[in-house]
């Protein structure tokens, strides 16, 4: 099982504190030992200087003076070794060996550390007179005791630090985990279908960012589902009309009500409405495939000017039947772009069909092609009623225009513009909507010019 955030933060805090303890302990131990040795050596050196000054006045052979000195320093764990004029050395055997190794008979001041067996000794040698000398010898075990006490105190302080780190890590983890747990609960509610769930935006910047993103996701899901409902309603409306016509005329033929010319008209109506249903279903399938990774385009270099001329030849007849004059505006020369010719032709036909549907008799429809700044711009414009200013930004969203205008003017399936926008985008271009100079709407395809090979 995955550990909680509080547990992980606590473990991290303990690990950091543990590493700090280890490093600080090693450094402190070395510093304590070296400092303790230095302090003891300096203290022993000062005492040796004081003793030497006293013995200069009384003489090294004065037993009373040496006895007093030995009594004072022994209370501090220090042994006195005396080298007399006769050549004899007095004192404890271990201290004598340490003093002799340190240079008791050298006739010079000596300050050193001597190891004998498993013990270390600090030794201070001072000559007194021409042939006499003494040495103060202190075992280092007293320094080690001081060092151990200091290390124990440091480890105690650092142990308390570890405890504080554990408590602080746990509390911090709980505080940080609380808004994340709220976000997780909100995500579970969103998964269950609720869209009114919101998370308080609080805590550190990163946690607040997660909460804000989750709230934005909830808003986006609510908007998306609302649009899907509107789209389904518009598609259902579009399906119901031809299905009603097909069902009614089919029943008339089956019941023998429509005979002769009436039966023929009924058959034509059924055929026309079936084609409408086929186009609607085809658009739905194309739109669904467009969002899939396996959707393929046959890209190649084509002359956009030639495509405009081909489209104009097809639409001139249809526009003439509706008494809508079609005009072609195109710069001379070619406009080579990289696109799928069949799909681009499909987009232009779809835009032209939408334009002709809303353009009244006598109003113009225009195919306009222009080249500027390395791009080709192909516009399909009409003299129809156009769109409200707020309609252009949402023109390519599925079913939006259909739901808004279906009770006021002829409309399509509600997915043609979304399909056209997706196709143009897949070909590396853009499709935009805006008002046309002719008074209606203008839909403009923009594609980058093909680079010369």
Protein backbone atom coordinates (compact mmCIF):
# COMPACT_ATOMS: atom_id res chain seq x y z
CA UNK A 1 0.00 0.00 0.00
CA UNK A 2 1.11 3.55 -0.68
CA UNK A 3 2.21 5.56 2.33
CA UNK A 4 0.33 8.69 3.31
CA UNK A 5 1.71 12.17 2.68
CA UNK A 6 2.07 12.74 6.43
CA UNK A 7 4.09 9.53 6.80
CA UNK A 8 6.35 10.43 3.88
CA UNK A 9 6.99 13.94 5.15
CA UNK A 10 7.70 12.55 8.63
CA UNK A 11 10.16 10.01 7.20
CA UNK A 12 11.87 12.74 5.18
CA UNK A 13 12.16 15.00 8.22
CA UNK A 14 13.57 12.14 10.29
CA UNK A 15 16.03 11.24 7.54
CA UNK A 16 17.23 14.85 7.29
CA UNK A 17 17.47 15.13 11.07
CA UNK A 18 19.26 11.76 11.27
CA UNK A 19 21.84 12.80 8.71
CA UNK A 20 22.27 16.08 10.59
CA UNK A 21 22.77 14.11 13.83
CA UNK A 22 25.37 11.87 12.23
CA UNK A 23 27.33 14.71 10.67
CA UNK A 24 27.06 16.96 13.73
CA UNK A 25 28.02 14.07 16.03
CA UNK A 26 31.13 13.23 14.04
CA UNK A 27 32.20 16.84 13.81
CA UNK A 28 31.33 17.57 17.44
CA UNK A 29 33.14 14.45 18.69
CA UNK A 30 36.33 15.45 16.91
CA UNK A 31 36.03 19.06 18.05
CA UNK A 32 35.29 18.05 21.64
CA UNK A 33 38.26 15.71 21.77
CA UNK A 34 40.73 18.14 20.27
CA UNK A 35 39.38 21.02 22.39
CA UNK A 36 39.48 18.97 25.59
CA UNK A 37 43.04 17.85 24.93
CA UNK A 38 44.13 21.41 24.17
CA UNK A 39 42.46 22.75 27.32
CA UNK A 40 43.99 20.04 29.50
CA UNK A 41 47.42 20.48 27.95
CA UNK A 42 47.29 24.23 28.48
CA UNK A 43 46.08 23.79 32.08
CA UNK A 44 48.87 21.29 32.74
CA UNK A 45 51.37 23.66 31.17
CA UNK A 46 50.25 26.53 33.40
CA UNK A 47 50.47 24.40 36.53
CA UNK A 48 53.94 23.21 35.57
CA UNK A 49 55.08 26.81 35.17
CA UNK A 50 53.65 27.71 38.59
CA UNK A 51 55.30 24.70 40.25
CA UNK A 52 58.61 25.47 38.61
CA UNK A 53 58.44 29.02 39.94
CA UNK A 54 57.83 27.81 43.50
CA UNK A 55 60.57 25.21 43.39
CA UNK A 56 63.09 27.74 42.17
CA UNK A 57 62.84 29.35 45.59
CA UNK A 58 62.84 26.26 47.77
CA UNK A 59 64.99 23.89 45.74
CA UNK A 60 64.08 20.60 44.18
CA UNK A 61 65.52 18.69 47.08
CA UNK A 62 63.14 20.16 49.60
CA UNK A 63 60.85 17.24 50.36
CA UNK A 64 58.33 19.42 52.10
CA UNK A 65 57.88 21.61 49.03
CA UNK A 66 57.64 18.64 46.69
CA UNK A 67 55.20 16.95 49.07
CA UNK A 68 52.92 19.97 49.10
CA UNK A 69 53.02 20.24 45.30
CA UNK A 70 52.31 16.54 44.84
CA UNK A 71 49.40 16.68 47.29
CA UNK A 72 47.80 19.62 45.43
CA UNK A 73 48.11 18.25 41.88
CA UNK A 74 47.21 14.65 42.78
CA UNK A 75 43.79 15.94 43.80
CA UNK A 76 43.38 16.82 40.11
CA UNK A 77 44.48 13.39 38.85
CA UNK A 78 48.03 14.59 38.05
CA UNK A 79 51.19 12.72 39.10
CA UNK A 80 54.51 14.45 39.88
CA UNK A 81 57.73 12.78 38.74
CA UNK A 82 60.99 14.23 40.13
CA UNK A 83 64.43 13.78 38.66
CA UNK A 84 67.01 14.52 41.36
CA UNK A 85 70.64 15.50 41.22
CA UNK A 86 71.54 11.96 42.20
CA UNK A 87 69.94 10.72 39.00
CA UNK A 88 67.03 8.99 40.69
CA UNK A 89 63.45 9.45 39.44
CA UNK A 90 60.62 9.31 42.01
CA UNK A 91 56.93 8.84 41.36
CA UNK A 92 54.49 6.18 40.23
CA UNK A 93 55.99 3.66 37.83
CA UNK A 94 53.66 4.43 34.90
CA UNK A 95 54.09 8.18 35.38
CA UNK A 96 57.88 7.75 35.58
CA UNK A 97 57.93 5.83 32.30
CA UNK A 98 55.80 8.50 30.62
CA UNK A 99 58.04 11.28 31.97
CA UNK A 100 61.23 9.51 30.90
CA UNK A 101 59.83 8.96 27.40
CA UNK A 102 58.84 12.62 27.25
CA UNK A 103 62.43 13.70 27.97
CA UNK A 104 62.60 14.17 31.73
CA UNK A 105 66.42 14.24 31.69
CA UNK A 106 66.78 16.39 28.58
CA UNK A 107 67.25 19.57 30.60
CA UNK A 108 64.69 21.38 28.45
CA UNK A 109 61.05 22.38 28.75
CA UNK A 110 58.94 19.72 27.09
CA UNK A 111 55.18 19.64 26.39
CA UNK A 112 54.01 16.44 24.73
CA UNK A 113 51.62 13.49 24.61
CA UNK A 114 52.95 9.98 25.30
CA UNK A 115 51.31 6.59 24.74
CA UNK A 116 52.15 3.67 26.99
CA UNK A 117 50.17 0.54 26.33
CA UNK A 118 46.51 1.44 25.93
CA UNK A 119 46.78 4.71 27.82
CA UNK A 120 47.79 8.18 26.72
CA UNK A 121 49.50 10.70 28.99
CA UNK A 122 49.91 14.45 28.77
CA UNK A 123 53.38 15.35 30.05
CA UNK A 124 54.91 18.72 31.00
CA UNK A 125 58.68 18.61 31.77
CA UNK A 126 60.44 21.50 33.50
CA UNK A 127 64.18 21.58 34.45
CA UNK A 128 65.02 22.91 37.93
CA UNK A 129 68.65 23.80 38.40
CA UNK A 130 71.52 22.34 36.40
CA UNK A 131 70.71 18.61 36.85
CA UNK A 132 67.29 18.35 38.49
CA UNK A 133 63.86 18.36 36.81
CA UNK A 134 60.27 17.41 37.41
CA UNK A 135 57.34 16.41 35.22
CA UNK A 136 53.58 16.67 35.64
CA UNK A 137 51.90 13.62 34.12
CA UNK A 138 48.12 13.46 33.57
CA UNK A 139 46.35 10.42 32.10
CA UNK A 140 44.12 11.32 29.15
CA UNK A 141 41.28 9.20 30.51
CA UNK A 142 40.08 12.24 32.40
CA UNK A 143 39.87 14.09 29.09
CA UNK A 144 37.98 11.17 27.58
CA UNK A 145 35.48 11.32 30.45
CA UNK A 146 34.91 15.00 29.73
CA UNK A 147 34.60 14.21 26.02
CA UNK A 148 32.07 11.46 26.67
CA UNK A 149 29.96 13.77 28.84
CA UNK A 150 29.94 16.43 26.17
CA UNK A 151 29.05 13.92 23.46
CA UNK A 152 26.21 12.57 25.62
CA UNK A 153 24.82 16.07 26.01
CA UNK A 154 25.08 16.72 22.30
CA UNK A 155 23.39 13.43 21.44
CA UNK A 156 20.63 14.21 23.93
CA UNK A 157 20.05 17.61 22.30
CA UNK A 158 20.06 16.08 18.85
CA UNK A 159 17.71 13.30 19.98
CA UNK A 160 15.28 15.96 21.12
CA UNK A 161 15.71 17.54 17.69
CA UNK A 162 14.77 14.23 16.07
CA UNK A 163 11.62 14.06 18.15
CA UNK A 164 10.70 17.63 17.25
CA UNK A 165 11.38 16.85 13.56
CA UNK A 166 9.09 13.82 13.71
CA UNK A 167 6.27 15.80 15.32
CA UNK A 168 6.74 18.74 12.94
CA UNK A 169 6.84 16.42 9.91
CA UNK A 170 3.69 14.61 10.96
CA UNK A 171 1.78 17.82 11.67
CA UNK A 172 2.97 19.40 8.40
CA UNK A 173 1.99 16.30 6.46
CA UNK A 174 -1.48 16.31 7.98
CA UNK A 175 -1.94 20.00 7.24
CA UNK A 176 -0.73 19.57 3.65
CA UNK A 177 -2.73 16.40 3.16
CA UNK A 178 -6.04 17.89 4.30
CA UNK A 179 -6.69 19.99 1.16
CA UNK A 180 -5.41 17.14 -1.00
CA UNK A 181 -7.86 14.76 0.65
CA UNK A 182 -10.61 17.26 -0.06
CA UNK A 183 -9.50 17.41 -3.69
CA UNK A 184 -9.51 13.60 -3.89
CA UNK A 185 -13.03 13.48 -2.43
CA UNK A 186 -14.18 16.11 -4.93
CA UNK A 187 -12.62 14.13 -7.79
CA UNK A 188 -14.52 11.05 -6.61
CA UNK A 189 -17.76 13.05 -6.63
CA UNK A 190 -17.01 14.27 -10.16
CA UNK A 191 -16.41 10.67 -11.23
CA UNK A 192 -19.77 9.75 -9.71
CA UNK A 193 -21.51 12.35 -11.89
CA UNK A 194 -21.78 15.42 -9.67
CA UNK A 195 -20.81 18.71 -11.28
CA UNK A 196 -21.58 21.12 -8.44
CA UNK A 197 -18.57 20.08 -6.36
CA UNK A 198 -15.98 22.75 -5.62
CA UNK A 199 -12.81 22.66 -3.50
CA UNK A 200 -11.63 25.60 -1.34
CA UNK A 201 -8.53 27.15 -2.87
CA UNK A 202 -6.24 27.26 0.15
CA UNK A 203 -2.93 26.01 1.48
CA UNK A 204 0.49 26.29 -0.19
CA UNK A 205 0.69 27.55 -3.76
CA UNK A 206 1.06 24.08 -5.28
CA UNK A 207 -1.88 22.63 -3.31
CA UNK A 208 -4.02 25.68 -4.10
CA UNK A 209 -3.14 25.23 -7.76
CA UNK A 210 -4.41 21.63 -7.63
CA UNK A 211 -7.68 22.80 -6.07
CA UNK A 212 -8.07 25.57 -8.64
CA UNK A 213 -7.39 23.18 -11.51
CA UNK A 214 -9.96 20.72 -10.13
CA UNK A 215 -12.56 23.49 -9.92
CA UNK A 216 -11.79 24.52 -13.50
CA UNK A 217 -12.13 20.88 -14.56
CA UNK A 218 -15.55 20.69 -12.90
CA UNK A 219 -16.63 23.86 -14.75
CA UNK A 220 -15.30 22.52 -18.04
CA UNK A 221 -17.10 19.20 -17.55
CA UNK A 222 -20.35 20.99 -16.77
CA UNK A 223 -20.04 23.15 -19.90
CA UNK A 224 -19.06 20.18 -22.05
CA UNK A 225 -21.97 18.07 -20.88
CA UNK A 226 -24.37 20.97 -21.37
CA UNK A 227 -23.15 21.36 -24.94
CA UNK A 228 -23.44 17.63 -25.50
CA UNK A 229 -27.05 17.73 -24.33
CA UNK A 230 -27.76 20.66 -26.65
CA UNK A 231 -26.04 18.81 -29.48
CA UNK A 232 -28.07 15.65 -28.88
CA UNK A 233 -31.26 17.70 -28.79
CA UNK A 234 -30.39 19.39 -32.08
CA UNK A 235 -29.44 16.09 -33.73
CA UNK A 236 -32.62 14.49 -32.42
CA UNK A 237 -34.61 17.37 -33.90
CA UNK A 238 -32.85 16.98 -37.25
CA UNK A 239 -33.47 13.23 -37.26
CA UNK A 240 -37.09 13.51 -36.26
CA UNK A 241 -38.12 15.71 -39.22
CA UNK A 242 -36.96 13.43 -42.06
CA UNK A 243 -38.01 10.31 -40.17
CA UNK A 244 -41.51 11.72 -39.74
CA UNK A 245 -41.70 12.51 -43.46
CA UNK A 246 -40.34 9.09 -44.46
CA UNK A 247 -42.72 7.29 -42.11
CA UNK A 248 -45.78 9.30 -43.21
CA UNK A 249 -45.24 8.93 -46.95
CA UNK A 250 -44.29 5.25 -46.60
CA UNK A 251 -47.56 4.58 -44.74
CA UNK A 252 -49.49 6.47 -47.44
CA UNK A 253 -47.97 4.27 -50.14
CA UNK A 254 -48.46 1.09 -48.10
CA UNK A 255 -52.14 1.93 -47.39
CA UNK A 256 -52.83 2.78 -51.02
CA UNK A 257 -53.69 6.36 -50.19
CA UNK A 258 -50.95 7.69 -52.50
CA UNK A 259 -51.33 6.39 -56.04
CA UNK A 260 -50.10 7.49 -59.43
CA UNK A 261 -48.50 10.96 -59.35
CA UNK A 262 -49.00 11.19 -55.59
CA UNK A 263 -47.07 7.97 -55.09
CA UNK A 264 -44.28 9.30 -57.25
CA UNK A 265 -44.07 12.51 -55.23
CA UNK A 266 -44.11 10.47 -52.05
CA UNK A 267 -41.24 8.34 -53.33
CA UNK A 268 -39.25 11.46 -54.25
CA UNK A 269 -39.84 12.88 -50.79
CA UNK A 270 -38.77 9.63 -49.15
CA UNK A 271 -35.64 9.56 -51.30
CA UNK A 272 -34.79 13.18 -50.51
CA UNK A 273 -35.27 12.74 -46.77
CA UNK A 274 -33.29 9.49 -46.82
CA UNK A 275 -30.41 11.36 -48.46
CA UNK A 276 -30.68 13.99 -45.75
CA UNK A 277 -30.49 11.29 -43.09
CA UNK A 278 -27.53 9.74 -44.86
CA UNK A 279 -25.68 13.08 -44.90
CA UNK A 280 -26.41 13.61 -41.23
CA UNK A 281 -25.20 10.14 -40.25
CA UNK A 282 -22.15 10.53 -42.48
CA UNK A 283 -21.28 13.86 -40.83
CA UNK A 284 -21.64 12.30 -37.40
CA UNK A 285 -19.34 9.44 -38.33
CA UNK A 286 -16.79 11.79 -39.90
CA UNK A 287 -16.81 13.99 -36.80
CA UNK A 288 -16.31 10.97 -34.55
CA UNK A 289 -13.46 9.67 -36.71
CA UNK A 290 -11.86 13.11 -36.80
CA UNK A 291 -11.14 12.89 -33.08
CA UNK A 292 -9.49 9.48 -33.41
CA UNK A 293 -5.80 8.91 -34.01
CA UNK A 294 -6.40 6.61 -36.97
CA UNK A 295 -8.00 9.40 -39.04
CA UNK A 296 -5.78 9.79 -42.11
CA UNK A 297 -5.39 12.64 -44.60
CA UNK A 298 -3.99 12.31 -48.10
CA UNK A 299 -1.86 15.43 -48.06
CA UNK A 300 -0.29 16.78 -51.20
CA UNK A 301 0.47 20.01 -53.03
CA UNK A 302 -2.54 21.48 -54.79
CA UNK A 303 -3.46 24.72 -56.50
CA UNK A 304 -6.09 26.45 -54.39
CA UNK A 305 -7.05 28.70 -57.31
CA UNK A 306 -7.88 25.66 -59.44
CA UNK A 307 -9.93 24.17 -56.59
CA UNK A 308 -11.92 27.41 -56.30
CA UNK A 309 -12.67 27.33 -60.04
CA UNK A 310 -13.83 23.70 -59.84
CA UNK A 311 -16.10 24.46 -56.89
CA UNK A 312 -17.51 27.53 -58.64
CA UNK A 313 -18.47 25.48 -61.72
CA UNK A 314 -20.49 23.11 -59.52
CA UNK A 315 -22.17 25.80 -57.44
CA UNK A 316 -23.01 28.21 -60.27
CA UNK A 317 -25.88 25.97 -61.41
CA UNK A 318 -27.26 25.47 -57.90
CA UNK A 319 -27.02 29.18 -57.15
CA UNK A 320 -28.77 29.98 -60.45
CA UNK A 321 -31.70 27.73 -59.47
CA UNK A 322 -32.06 29.71 -56.25
CA UNK A 323 -31.59 33.03 -58.12
CA UNK A 324 -28.45 33.77 -56.11
CA UNK A 325 -25.61 35.27 -58.17
CA UNK A 326 -22.25 33.61 -57.50
CA UNK A 327 -19.10 35.70 -57.87
CA UNK A 328 -15.49 34.45 -57.87
CA UNK A 329 -12.78 36.85 -56.70
CA UNK A 330 -9.27 35.47 -57.14
CA UNK A 331 -5.79 36.89 -57.54
CA UNK A 332 -4.14 35.93 -60.83
CA UNK A 333 -1.69 33.05 -60.78
CA UNK A 334 -1.54 30.00 -58.58
CA UNK A 335 -1.79 29.51 -54.84
CA UNK A 336 -0.01 26.28 -53.98
CA UNK A 337 -0.81 24.81 -50.56
CA UNK A 338 -0.34 21.46 -48.86
CA UNK A 339 -3.71 19.87 -48.15
CA UNK A 340 -6.01 16.93 -48.84
CA UNK A 341 -7.80 17.91 -52.06
CA UNK A 342 -10.89 15.76 -51.43
CA UNK A 343 -11.32 16.93 -47.84
CA UNK A 344 -10.74 20.57 -48.73
CA UNK A 345 -13.31 20.30 -51.51
CA UNK A 346 -15.69 18.82 -48.93
CA UNK A 347 -15.12 21.79 -46.61
CA UNK A 348 -15.76 24.35 -49.36
CA UNK A 349 -18.92 22.53 -50.45
CA UNK A 350 -20.17 22.46 -46.86
CA UNK A 351 -19.57 26.19 -46.40
CA UNK A 352 -21.23 26.95 -49.75
CA UNK A 353 -24.26 24.82 -48.84
CA UNK A 354 -24.66 26.67 -45.54
CA UNK A 355 -24.36 30.02 -47.33
CA UNK A 356 -26.87 29.16 -50.05
CA UNK A 357 -29.37 27.84 -47.49
CA UNK A 358 -29.72 31.27 -45.81
CA UNK A 359 -29.10 33.57 -48.79
CA UNK A 360 -32.35 35.03 -50.18
CA UNK A 361 -32.98 35.35 -53.93
CA UNK A 362 -31.11 38.24 -55.44
CA UNK A 363 -28.49 38.43 -52.67
CA UNK A 364 -24.91 37.54 -53.64
CA UNK A 365 -22.65 34.64 -52.71
CA UNK A 366 -18.90 35.05 -53.17
CA UNK A 367 -15.87 32.74 -53.42
CA UNK A 368 -12.84 34.95 -52.65
CA UNK A 369 -9.19 33.84 -52.81
CA UNK A 370 -6.27 36.06 -51.76
CA UNK A 371 -2.58 35.47 -51.06
CA UNK A 372 -0.79 37.55 -48.43
CA UNK A 373 2.23 37.13 -46.12
CA UNK A 374 2.92 33.52 -47.08
CA UNK A 375 -0.66 32.32 -46.62
CA UNK A 376 -3.63 31.68 -48.91
CA UNK A 377 -7.04 32.89 -47.70
CA UNK A 378 -10.17 31.34 -49.21
CA UNK A 379 -13.46 32.91 -48.07
CA UNK A 380 -17.04 31.85 -48.69
CA UNK A 381 -19.26 34.91 -48.17
CA UNK A 382 -22.98 35.44 -48.48
CA UNK A 383 -25.57 38.22 -48.44
CA UNK A 384 -27.84 36.46 -45.98
CA UNK A 385 -28.86 37.55 -42.47
CA UNK A 386 -25.46 36.68 -41.00
CA UNK A 387 -24.88 35.93 -37.32
CA UNK A 388 -25.19 37.94 -34.16
CA UNK A 389 -21.80 39.24 -32.89
CA UNK A 390 -21.80 36.68 -30.10
CA UNK A 391 -22.46 33.88 -32.59
CA UNK A 392 -19.16 34.09 -34.48
CA UNK A 393 -16.90 32.93 -31.58
CA UNK A 394 -19.04 29.80 -31.07
CA UNK A 395 -19.81 29.11 -34.73
CA UNK A 396 -17.69 25.92 -34.80
CA UNK A 397 -19.06 24.37 -31.62
CA UNK A 398 -21.35 21.43 -32.28
CA UNK A 399 -25.05 22.27 -32.34
CA UNK A 400 -24.73 25.81 -30.92
CA UNK A 401 -25.88 27.70 -34.01
CA UNK A 402 -28.47 25.03 -34.77
CA UNK A 403 -30.06 25.44 -31.34
CA UNK A 404 -29.93 29.25 -31.58
CA UNK A 405 -31.34 29.78 -35.08
CA UNK A 406 -33.44 26.71 -35.96
CA UNK A 407 -36.71 28.47 -35.08
CA UNK A 408 -35.84 31.58 -37.15
CA UNK A 409 -34.14 30.38 -40.36
CA UNK A 410 -33.17 27.22 -42.26
CA UNK A 411 -30.37 25.38 -40.50
CA UNK A 412 -28.27 22.28 -41.13
CA UNK A 413 -27.47 19.36 -38.91
CA UNK A 414 -25.49 21.45 -36.43
CA UNK A 415 -22.26 19.54 -36.98
CA UNK A 416 -21.16 20.64 -40.46
CA UNK A 417 -19.18 23.66 -39.26
CA UNK A 418 -17.56 21.63 -36.45
CA UNK A 419 -16.54 19.01 -39.00
CA UNK A 420 -15.17 21.65 -41.40
CA UNK A 421 -13.18 23.29 -38.61
CA UNK A 422 -11.71 19.94 -37.55
CA UNK A 423 -10.70 19.05 -41.11
CA UNK A 424 -9.01 22.39 -41.77
CA UNK A 425 -7.19 22.23 -38.44
CA UNK A 426 -5.94 18.71 -39.23
CA UNK A 427 -4.53 20.06 -42.51
CA UNK A 428 -2.49 22.67 -40.63
CA UNK A 429 -4.77 25.61 -41.38
CA UNK A 430 -7.38 27.73 -39.61
CA UNK A 431 -11.07 28.34 -40.21
CA UNK A 432 -12.52 31.61 -38.90
CA UNK A 433 -15.95 33.24 -38.98
CA UNK A 434 -16.89 36.89 -39.20
CA UNK A 435 -19.21 39.39 -40.88
CA UNK A 436 -19.07 39.67 -44.67
CA UNK A 437 -19.04 42.90 -46.74
CA UNK A 438 -22.14 41.59 -48.54
CA UNK A 439 -24.08 41.78 -45.25
CA UNK A 440 -24.05 38.12 -44.25
CA UNK A 441 -21.38 35.84 -42.81
CA UNK A 442 -17.89 35.09 -44.10
CA UNK A 443 -16.07 31.84 -43.37
CA UNK A 444 -12.35 32.00 -44.22
CA UNK A 445 -9.95 29.09 -44.69
CA UNK A 446 -6.30 30.06 -44.17
CA UNK A 447 -3.51 27.71 -45.23
CA UNK A 448 0.24 28.32 -45.41
CA UNK A 449 1.70 28.40 -48.91
CA UNK A 450 3.67 25.32 -49.90
CA UNK A 451 7.44 25.76 -49.81
CA UNK A 452 9.06 25.43 -53.25
CA UNK A 453 10.97 22.16 -53.57
